[in-house]
């Protein structure tokens, strides 16, 4: 049984990509967006390389005591002119492996991201979650996030 106390959070590596994509695909929304194939399509590795090179992005994984990837998130730090030129953090793709949920791992990941964003000069952390992810919304509210925006998407 993996508990949050036995988790290490570290920067994601190329060999973590398959585990990350697996977690992204492991829900009703992700299952329709992601391509789980063997071998994994190269588009994922190309995307990983772009993320890994960007100094304003941090893709991290939670690893259990045996080295298995059991969670992930991406933190984007964005400078801006609004709010008197402050920077903000944006959380994306927060996931915990299905067999490890409800053990504090997601909370540990989010707390790590908040601490990291603050250390990098961000004055707030925002996130988007799909309106159908009611459990995720309750999770983020429990961690102190407040509903503050109406999100909109334009796909092309």
N, C-alpha and C. Protein backbone atom coordinates (compact mmCIF):
# COMPACT_ATOMS: atom_id res chain seq x y z
N UNK A 1 0.85 -1.18 0.00
CA UNK A 1 0.00 0.00 0.00
C UNK A 1 0.89 1.24 0.00
N UNK A 2 0.73 2.10 -1.00
CA UNK A 2 1.52 3.31 -1.11
C UNK A 2 0.84 4.43 -0.35
N UNK A 3 1.56 5.03 0.58
CA UNK A 3 1.05 6.16 1.33
C UNK A 3 1.85 7.39 0.97
N UNK A 4 1.26 8.55 1.21
CA UNK A 4 1.93 9.81 0.87
C UNK A 4 3.26 9.94 1.58
N UNK A 5 3.40 9.36 2.76
CA UNK A 5 4.65 9.49 3.51
C UNK A 5 5.82 8.80 2.83
N UNK A 6 5.53 7.86 1.92
CA UNK A 6 6.61 7.14 1.24
C UNK A 6 6.86 7.65 -0.17
N UNK A 7 6.30 8.81 -0.50
CA UNK A 7 6.39 9.37 -1.84
C UNK A 7 7.55 10.34 -1.97
N UNK A 8 8.21 10.29 -3.11
CA UNK A 8 9.21 11.28 -3.49
C UNK A 8 8.69 12.00 -4.72
N UNK A 9 8.80 13.33 -4.73
CA UNK A 9 8.40 14.11 -5.89
C UNK A 9 9.68 14.56 -6.59
N UNK A 10 9.75 14.28 -7.88
CA UNK A 10 10.93 14.65 -8.65
C UNK A 10 10.52 15.07 -10.06
N UNK A 11 11.45 15.75 -10.73
CA UNK A 11 11.21 16.15 -12.11
C UNK A 11 11.01 14.90 -12.97
N UNK A 12 10.05 14.95 -13.87
CA UNK A 12 9.77 13.81 -14.74
C UNK A 12 10.93 13.61 -15.72
N UNK A 13 11.14 12.35 -16.06
CA UNK A 13 12.15 11.98 -17.06
C UNK A 13 11.46 11.32 -18.24
N UNK A 14 12.20 11.22 -19.32
CA UNK A 14 11.65 10.63 -20.54
C UNK A 14 11.08 9.23 -20.28
N UNK A 15 11.72 8.45 -19.45
CA UNK A 15 11.23 7.10 -19.21
C UNK A 15 9.98 7.06 -18.32
N UNK A 16 9.51 8.22 -17.86
CA UNK A 16 8.26 8.31 -17.10
C UNK A 16 7.06 8.58 -18.01
N UNK A 17 7.30 8.91 -19.26
CA UNK A 17 6.23 9.38 -20.15
C UNK A 17 5.10 8.35 -20.26
N UNK A 18 5.40 7.10 -20.43
CA UNK A 18 4.34 6.09 -20.58
C UNK A 18 3.46 6.03 -19.33
N UNK A 19 4.05 6.09 -18.16
CA UNK A 19 3.27 6.06 -16.91
C UNK A 19 2.40 7.30 -16.79
N UNK A 20 2.94 8.46 -17.17
CA UNK A 20 2.17 9.70 -17.12
C UNK A 20 0.98 9.63 -18.07
N UNK A 21 1.22 9.22 -19.30
CA UNK A 21 0.14 9.13 -20.28
C UNK A 21 -0.91 8.11 -19.81
N UNK A 22 -0.46 7.04 -19.20
CA UNK A 22 -1.40 6.06 -18.66
C UNK A 22 -2.33 6.67 -17.62
N UNK A 23 -1.79 7.52 -16.75
CA UNK A 23 -2.64 8.18 -15.75
C UNK A 23 -3.56 9.22 -16.40
N UNK A 24 -3.06 9.93 -17.42
CA UNK A 24 -3.89 10.91 -18.11
C UNK A 24 -5.07 10.23 -18.81
N UNK A 25 -4.87 9.01 -19.27
CA UNK A 25 -5.91 8.28 -20.00
C UNK A 25 -6.89 7.57 -19.09
N UNK A 26 -6.57 7.48 -17.80
CA UNK A 26 -7.34 6.64 -16.89
C UNK A 26 -8.52 7.38 -16.25
N UNK A 27 -9.32 8.02 -17.06
CA UNK A 27 -10.58 8.59 -16.60
C UNK A 27 -11.47 8.82 -17.82
N UNK A 28 -12.75 9.10 -17.62
CA UNK A 28 -13.65 9.22 -18.77
C UNK A 28 -13.23 10.28 -19.79
N UNK A 29 -12.72 11.41 -19.35
CA UNK A 29 -12.30 12.45 -20.29
C UNK A 29 -11.00 12.07 -21.00
N UNK A 30 -10.04 11.63 -20.24
CA UNK A 30 -8.74 11.29 -20.81
C UNK A 30 -8.77 10.08 -21.73
N UNK A 31 -9.66 9.15 -21.46
CA UNK A 31 -9.70 7.95 -22.29
C UNK A 31 -10.07 8.28 -23.73
N UNK A 32 -10.78 9.37 -23.94
CA UNK A 32 -11.12 9.78 -25.29
C UNK A 32 -10.09 10.68 -25.94
N UNK A 33 -9.16 11.20 -25.15
CA UNK A 33 -8.16 12.14 -25.67
C UNK A 33 -6.81 11.50 -25.94
N UNK A 34 -6.46 10.51 -25.14
CA UNK A 34 -5.10 9.95 -25.19
C UNK A 34 -5.07 8.69 -26.03
N UNK A 35 -3.86 8.36 -26.50
CA UNK A 35 -3.64 7.16 -27.31
C UNK A 35 -2.71 6.21 -26.55
N UNK A 36 -3.27 5.20 -26.00
CA UNK A 36 -2.49 4.20 -25.29
C UNK A 36 -2.20 3.07 -26.27
N UNK A 37 -0.99 3.05 -26.76
CA UNK A 37 -0.55 2.05 -27.74
C UNK A 37 0.83 1.57 -27.33
N UNK A 38 1.22 0.43 -27.84
CA UNK A 38 2.56 -0.09 -27.59
C UNK A 38 3.21 -0.34 -28.95
N UNK A 39 4.20 0.46 -29.31
CA UNK A 39 4.83 1.49 -28.49
C UNK A 39 3.98 2.77 -28.44
N UNK A 40 4.24 3.56 -27.42
CA UNK A 40 3.55 4.84 -27.25
C UNK A 40 3.89 5.76 -28.42
N UNK A 41 2.91 6.46 -28.98
CA UNK A 41 3.19 7.35 -30.11
C UNK A 41 4.28 8.38 -29.78
N UNK A 42 5.11 8.67 -30.75
CA UNK A 42 6.22 9.61 -30.57
C UNK A 42 5.77 11.01 -30.21
N UNK A 43 4.53 11.38 -30.53
CA UNK A 43 4.05 12.72 -30.20
C UNK A 43 4.17 13.01 -28.71
N UNK A 44 4.03 11.99 -27.88
CA UNK A 44 4.15 12.18 -26.43
C UNK A 44 5.59 12.49 -26.04
N UNK A 45 6.54 11.80 -26.64
CA UNK A 45 7.95 12.06 -26.33
C UNK A 45 8.39 13.41 -26.86
N UNK A 46 7.88 13.79 -28.02
CA UNK A 46 8.19 15.11 -28.56
C UNK A 46 7.63 16.21 -27.66
N UNK A 47 6.42 16.01 -27.18
CA UNK A 47 5.82 16.98 -26.25
C UNK A 47 6.61 17.04 -24.95
N UNK A 48 7.04 15.88 -24.47
CA UNK A 48 7.85 15.86 -23.25
C UNK A 48 9.12 16.70 -23.43
N UNK A 49 9.78 16.54 -24.56
CA UNK A 49 11.01 17.30 -24.81
C UNK A 49 10.74 18.80 -24.80
N UNK A 50 9.63 19.24 -25.39
CA UNK A 50 9.30 20.67 -25.38
C UNK A 50 9.05 21.16 -23.95
N UNK A 51 8.32 20.39 -23.19
CA UNK A 51 8.04 20.77 -21.79
C UNK A 51 9.33 20.79 -21.00
N UNK A 52 10.15 19.78 -21.17
CA UNK A 52 11.39 19.66 -20.40
C UNK A 52 12.36 20.81 -20.68
N UNK A 53 12.34 21.35 -21.89
CA UNK A 53 13.24 22.45 -22.25
C UNK A 53 12.76 23.82 -21.76
N UNK A 54 11.49 23.94 -21.44
CA UNK A 54 10.91 25.23 -21.08
C UNK A 54 11.19 25.53 -19.60
N UNK A 55 11.93 26.59 -19.31
CA UNK A 55 12.27 26.89 -17.91
C UNK A 55 11.07 27.31 -17.07
N UNK A 56 9.96 27.64 -17.70
CA UNK A 56 8.77 28.06 -16.96
C UNK A 56 7.79 26.93 -16.72
N UNK A 57 8.15 25.74 -17.14
CA UNK A 57 7.30 24.56 -16.93
C UNK A 57 8.04 23.53 -16.10
N UNK A 58 7.32 22.91 -15.20
CA UNK A 58 7.89 21.80 -14.44
C UNK A 58 6.89 20.65 -14.47
N UNK A 59 7.28 19.57 -15.09
CA UNK A 59 6.50 18.35 -15.09
C UNK A 59 7.14 17.44 -14.05
N UNK A 60 6.37 17.09 -13.03
CA UNK A 60 6.92 16.29 -11.94
C UNK A 60 6.10 15.02 -11.76
N UNK A 61 6.73 14.05 -11.15
CA UNK A 61 6.06 12.80 -10.83
C UNK A 61 6.22 12.51 -9.34
N UNK A 62 5.24 11.78 -8.82
CA UNK A 62 5.33 11.22 -7.48
C UNK A 62 5.74 9.77 -7.66
N UNK A 63 6.77 9.37 -6.95
CA UNK A 63 7.33 8.03 -7.09
C UNK A 63 7.24 7.33 -5.73
N UNK A 64 6.79 6.08 -5.74
CA UNK A 64 6.70 5.34 -4.47
C UNK A 64 8.06 4.78 -4.08
N UNK A 65 8.12 4.11 -2.96
CA UNK A 65 9.37 3.59 -2.42
C UNK A 65 10.04 2.57 -3.31
N UNK A 66 9.31 1.99 -4.25
CA UNK A 66 9.88 1.00 -5.17
C UNK A 66 10.23 1.61 -6.52
N UNK A 67 10.06 2.92 -6.64
CA UNK A 67 10.41 3.61 -7.88
C UNK A 67 9.31 3.70 -8.91
N UNK A 68 8.10 3.24 -8.58
CA UNK A 68 6.98 3.31 -9.53
C UNK A 68 6.36 4.70 -9.51
N UNK A 69 6.03 5.21 -10.70
CA UNK A 69 5.36 6.50 -10.82
C UNK A 69 3.90 6.31 -10.43
N UNK A 70 3.45 7.06 -9.42
CA UNK A 70 2.08 6.91 -8.93
C UNK A 70 1.29 8.23 -8.99
N UNK A 71 1.91 9.29 -9.48
CA UNK A 71 1.21 10.57 -9.60
C UNK A 71 2.03 11.52 -10.46
N UNK A 72 1.37 12.59 -10.91
CA UNK A 72 2.05 13.58 -11.72
C UNK A 72 1.30 14.90 -11.68
N UNK A 73 1.99 15.95 -12.07
CA UNK A 73 1.37 17.23 -12.33
C UNK A 73 2.33 18.09 -13.12
N UNK A 74 1.77 19.10 -13.77
CA UNK A 74 2.59 20.08 -14.47
C UNK A 74 2.30 21.44 -13.86
N UNK A 75 3.36 22.17 -13.55
CA UNK A 75 3.27 23.53 -13.02
C UNK A 75 3.84 24.48 -14.04
N UNK A 76 3.03 25.43 -14.48
CA UNK A 76 3.48 26.49 -15.38
C UNK A 76 3.57 27.77 -14.57
N UNK A 77 4.67 28.48 -14.71
CA UNK A 77 4.82 29.76 -14.04
C UNK A 77 4.82 30.85 -15.09
N UNK A 78 3.88 31.77 -14.95
CA UNK A 78 3.67 32.77 -15.99
C UNK A 78 3.84 34.18 -15.43
N UNK A 79 4.71 34.93 -16.09
CA UNK A 79 4.84 36.35 -15.77
C UNK A 79 3.71 37.08 -16.47
N UNK A 80 3.34 38.21 -15.94
CA UNK A 80 2.28 38.99 -16.58
C UNK A 80 2.30 40.44 -16.13
N UNK A 81 1.53 41.24 -16.81
CA UNK A 81 1.42 42.66 -16.47
C UNK A 81 0.28 42.91 -15.48
N UNK A 82 -0.74 42.07 -15.52
CA UNK A 82 -1.88 42.29 -14.63
C UNK A 82 -1.48 42.10 -13.18
N UNK A 83 -2.33 42.61 -12.31
CA UNK A 83 -2.08 42.53 -10.87
C UNK A 83 -0.71 43.08 -10.51
N UNK A 84 -0.39 44.22 -11.13
CA UNK A 84 0.84 44.95 -10.86
C UNK A 84 2.09 44.15 -11.23
N UNK A 85 1.97 43.40 -12.32
CA UNK A 85 3.13 42.69 -12.84
C UNK A 85 3.51 41.44 -12.09
N UNK A 86 2.57 40.85 -11.39
CA UNK A 86 2.89 39.65 -10.62
C UNK A 86 2.89 38.40 -11.50
N UNK A 87 3.57 37.40 -11.03
CA UNK A 87 3.58 36.09 -11.69
C UNK A 87 2.57 35.18 -11.02
N UNK A 88 2.10 34.20 -11.79
CA UNK A 88 1.16 33.24 -11.25
C UNK A 88 1.55 31.83 -11.67
N UNK A 89 1.14 30.88 -10.88
CA UNK A 89 1.35 29.49 -11.22
C UNK A 89 0.06 28.89 -11.74
N UNK A 90 0.18 27.97 -12.67
CA UNK A 90 -0.98 27.28 -13.21
C UNK A 90 -0.73 25.78 -13.10
N UNK A 91 -1.62 25.09 -12.42
CA UNK A 91 -1.52 23.64 -12.28
C UNK A 91 -2.29 22.97 -13.41
N UNK A 92 -1.68 21.95 -13.99
CA UNK A 92 -2.29 21.19 -15.07
C UNK A 92 -2.05 19.70 -14.83
N UNK A 93 -2.93 18.90 -15.35
CA UNK A 93 -2.73 17.44 -15.43
C UNK A 93 -2.34 16.81 -14.09
N UNK A 94 -3.03 17.18 -13.04
CA UNK A 94 -2.80 16.55 -11.74
C UNK A 94 -3.48 15.19 -11.78
N UNK A 95 -2.70 14.16 -11.58
CA UNK A 95 -3.24 12.79 -11.61
C UNK A 95 -2.55 11.93 -10.56
N UNK A 96 -3.32 10.96 -10.05
CA UNK A 96 -2.79 9.93 -9.16
C UNK A 96 -3.27 8.60 -9.72
N UNK A 97 -2.38 7.63 -9.76
CA UNK A 97 -2.74 6.29 -10.25
C UNK A 97 -3.95 5.77 -9.47
N UNK A 98 -4.84 5.13 -10.19
CA UNK A 98 -6.11 4.68 -9.61
C UNK A 98 -5.92 3.88 -8.32
N UNK A 99 -4.94 2.98 -8.32
CA UNK A 99 -4.74 2.12 -7.15
C UNK A 99 -4.12 2.85 -5.96
N UNK A 100 -3.77 4.13 -6.14
CA UNK A 100 -3.14 4.90 -5.06
C UNK A 100 -3.97 6.10 -4.62
N UNK A 101 -5.17 6.24 -5.11
CA UNK A 101 -5.99 7.40 -4.78
C UNK A 101 -6.49 7.32 -3.34
N UNK A 102 -6.82 8.49 -2.79
CA UNK A 102 -7.34 8.65 -1.43
C UNK A 102 -6.31 8.27 -0.37
N UNK A 103 -5.04 8.49 -0.67
CA UNK A 103 -3.98 8.19 0.29
C UNK A 103 -3.12 9.41 0.57
N UNK A 104 -3.53 10.59 0.09
CA UNK A 104 -2.79 11.82 0.35
C UNK A 104 -1.75 12.18 -0.68
N UNK A 105 -1.62 11.39 -1.73
CA UNK A 105 -0.58 11.64 -2.73
C UNK A 105 -0.91 12.89 -3.55
N UNK A 106 -2.16 13.02 -3.97
CA UNK A 106 -2.56 14.21 -4.71
C UNK A 106 -2.36 15.48 -3.89
N UNK A 107 -2.72 15.41 -2.62
CA UNK A 107 -2.52 16.55 -1.74
C UNK A 107 -1.04 16.91 -1.63
N UNK A 108 -0.20 15.92 -1.50
CA UNK A 108 1.24 16.17 -1.41
C UNK A 108 1.76 16.81 -2.71
N UNK A 109 1.29 16.34 -3.85
CA UNK A 109 1.69 16.92 -5.13
C UNK A 109 1.27 18.39 -5.22
N UNK A 110 0.02 18.68 -4.89
CA UNK A 110 -0.47 20.05 -4.98
C UNK A 110 0.26 20.95 -3.99
N UNK A 111 0.48 20.47 -2.78
CA UNK A 111 1.23 21.28 -1.81
C UNK A 111 2.65 21.55 -2.30
N UNK A 112 3.27 20.56 -2.92
CA UNK A 112 4.60 20.78 -3.50
C UNK A 112 4.54 21.89 -4.53
N UNK A 113 3.54 21.86 -5.42
CA UNK A 113 3.42 22.86 -6.48
C UNK A 113 3.19 24.25 -5.92
N UNK A 114 2.35 24.37 -4.91
CA UNK A 114 2.09 25.67 -4.28
C UNK A 114 3.37 26.22 -3.67
N UNK A 115 4.10 25.38 -2.97
CA UNK A 115 5.37 25.80 -2.36
C UNK A 115 6.37 26.22 -3.43
N UNK A 116 6.46 25.46 -4.50
CA UNK A 116 7.38 25.76 -5.60
C UNK A 116 7.01 27.07 -6.29
N UNK A 117 5.73 27.28 -6.55
CA UNK A 117 5.28 28.51 -7.20
C UNK A 117 5.59 29.72 -6.31
N UNK A 118 5.34 29.60 -5.04
CA UNK A 118 5.64 30.70 -4.11
C UNK A 118 7.14 30.99 -4.10
N UNK A 119 7.95 29.94 -4.08
CA UNK A 119 9.41 30.11 -4.06
C UNK A 119 9.91 30.78 -5.34
N UNK A 120 9.19 30.60 -6.45
CA UNK A 120 9.58 31.19 -7.73
C UNK A 120 8.97 32.58 -7.92
N UNK A 121 8.33 33.13 -6.90
CA UNK A 121 7.81 34.49 -6.97
C UNK A 121 6.38 34.63 -7.41
N UNK A 122 5.66 33.54 -7.55
CA UNK A 122 4.25 33.63 -7.92
C UNK A 122 3.43 34.09 -6.71
N UNK A 123 2.40 34.89 -6.97
CA UNK A 123 1.55 35.38 -5.89
C UNK A 123 0.25 34.59 -5.77
N UNK A 124 0.00 33.71 -6.73
CA UNK A 124 -1.18 32.86 -6.65
C UNK A 124 -0.97 31.64 -7.54
N UNK A 125 -1.76 30.63 -7.26
CA UNK A 125 -1.78 29.42 -8.08
C UNK A 125 -3.22 29.20 -8.52
N UNK A 126 -3.38 28.98 -9.81
CA UNK A 126 -4.70 28.71 -10.37
C UNK A 126 -4.69 27.32 -11.00
N UNK A 127 -5.87 26.81 -11.21
CA UNK A 127 -6.00 25.54 -11.92
C UNK A 127 -7.33 25.52 -12.63
N UNK A 128 -7.40 24.67 -13.61
CA UNK A 128 -8.64 24.42 -14.32
C UNK A 128 -9.01 22.96 -14.09
N UNK A 129 -10.27 22.71 -13.88
CA UNK A 129 -10.76 21.34 -13.82
C UNK A 129 -12.08 21.30 -14.56
N UNK A 130 -12.30 20.25 -15.29
CA UNK A 130 -13.50 20.13 -16.10
C UNK A 130 -14.74 20.17 -15.20
N UNK A 131 -15.78 20.79 -15.68
CA UNK A 131 -17.00 20.94 -14.88
C UNK A 131 -17.60 19.61 -14.45
N UNK A 132 -17.29 18.53 -15.15
CA UNK A 132 -17.83 17.22 -14.77
C UNK A 132 -17.01 16.53 -13.68
N UNK A 133 -15.86 17.05 -13.36
CA UNK A 133 -14.99 16.43 -12.35
C UNK A 133 -15.36 16.94 -10.95
N UNK A 134 -16.51 16.53 -10.49
CA UNK A 134 -17.04 17.01 -9.22
C UNK A 134 -16.14 16.59 -8.05
N UNK A 135 -15.65 15.36 -8.06
CA UNK A 135 -14.77 14.92 -6.98
C UNK A 135 -13.49 15.74 -6.95
N UNK A 136 -12.94 16.05 -8.10
CA UNK A 136 -11.73 16.88 -8.16
C UNK A 136 -12.01 18.27 -7.63
N UNK A 137 -13.16 18.82 -7.94
CA UNK A 137 -13.51 20.15 -7.43
C UNK A 137 -13.57 20.15 -5.92
N UNK A 138 -14.18 19.12 -5.33
CA UNK A 138 -14.23 19.02 -3.86
C UNK A 138 -12.82 18.90 -3.28
N UNK A 139 -11.97 18.11 -3.95
CA UNK A 139 -10.58 17.94 -3.50
C UNK A 139 -9.87 19.29 -3.46
N UNK A 140 -9.95 20.07 -4.53
CA UNK A 140 -9.25 21.35 -4.57
C UNK A 140 -9.84 22.34 -3.57
N UNK A 141 -11.13 22.33 -3.38
CA UNK A 141 -11.73 23.21 -2.37
C UNK A 141 -11.25 22.84 -0.97
N UNK A 142 -11.12 21.56 -0.72
CA UNK A 142 -10.61 21.10 0.58
C UNK A 142 -9.19 21.61 0.83
N UNK A 143 -8.41 21.79 -0.26
CA UNK A 143 -7.04 22.29 -0.14
C UNK A 143 -6.97 23.81 -0.12
N UNK A 144 -8.12 24.49 -0.14
CA UNK A 144 -8.14 25.94 -0.02
C UNK A 144 -8.36 26.71 -1.31
N UNK A 145 -8.50 26.02 -2.43
CA UNK A 145 -8.77 26.71 -3.69
C UNK A 145 -10.23 27.16 -3.68
N UNK A 146 -10.48 28.33 -4.27
CA UNK A 146 -11.84 28.88 -4.34
C UNK A 146 -12.27 28.99 -5.79
N UNK A 147 -13.55 28.78 -6.03
CA UNK A 147 -14.11 28.99 -7.37
C UNK A 147 -14.00 30.48 -7.68
N UNK A 148 -13.37 30.81 -8.81
CA UNK A 148 -13.13 32.22 -9.08
C UNK A 148 -13.31 32.62 -10.54
N UNK A 149 -13.41 31.68 -11.44
CA UNK A 149 -13.43 32.00 -12.86
C UNK A 149 -14.47 31.16 -13.58
N UNK A 150 -14.82 31.60 -14.75
CA UNK A 150 -15.60 30.79 -15.67
C UNK A 150 -14.66 30.46 -16.82
N UNK A 151 -14.39 29.20 -17.02
CA UNK A 151 -13.46 28.79 -18.07
C UNK A 151 -14.18 28.58 -19.40
N UNK A 152 -13.45 28.86 -20.45
CA UNK A 152 -14.00 28.66 -21.79
C UNK A 152 -12.90 28.05 -22.66
N UNK A 153 -13.31 27.28 -23.66
CA UNK A 153 -12.36 26.59 -24.51
C UNK A 153 -12.72 26.81 -25.97
N UNK A 154 -11.72 27.01 -26.79
CA UNK A 154 -11.87 27.05 -28.23
C UNK A 154 -10.95 25.99 -28.80
N UNK A 155 -11.50 24.94 -29.37
CA UNK A 155 -10.69 23.86 -29.94
C UNK A 155 -10.55 24.06 -31.44
N UNK A 156 -9.37 23.72 -31.96
CA UNK A 156 -9.15 23.73 -33.40
C UNK A 156 -8.11 22.71 -33.76
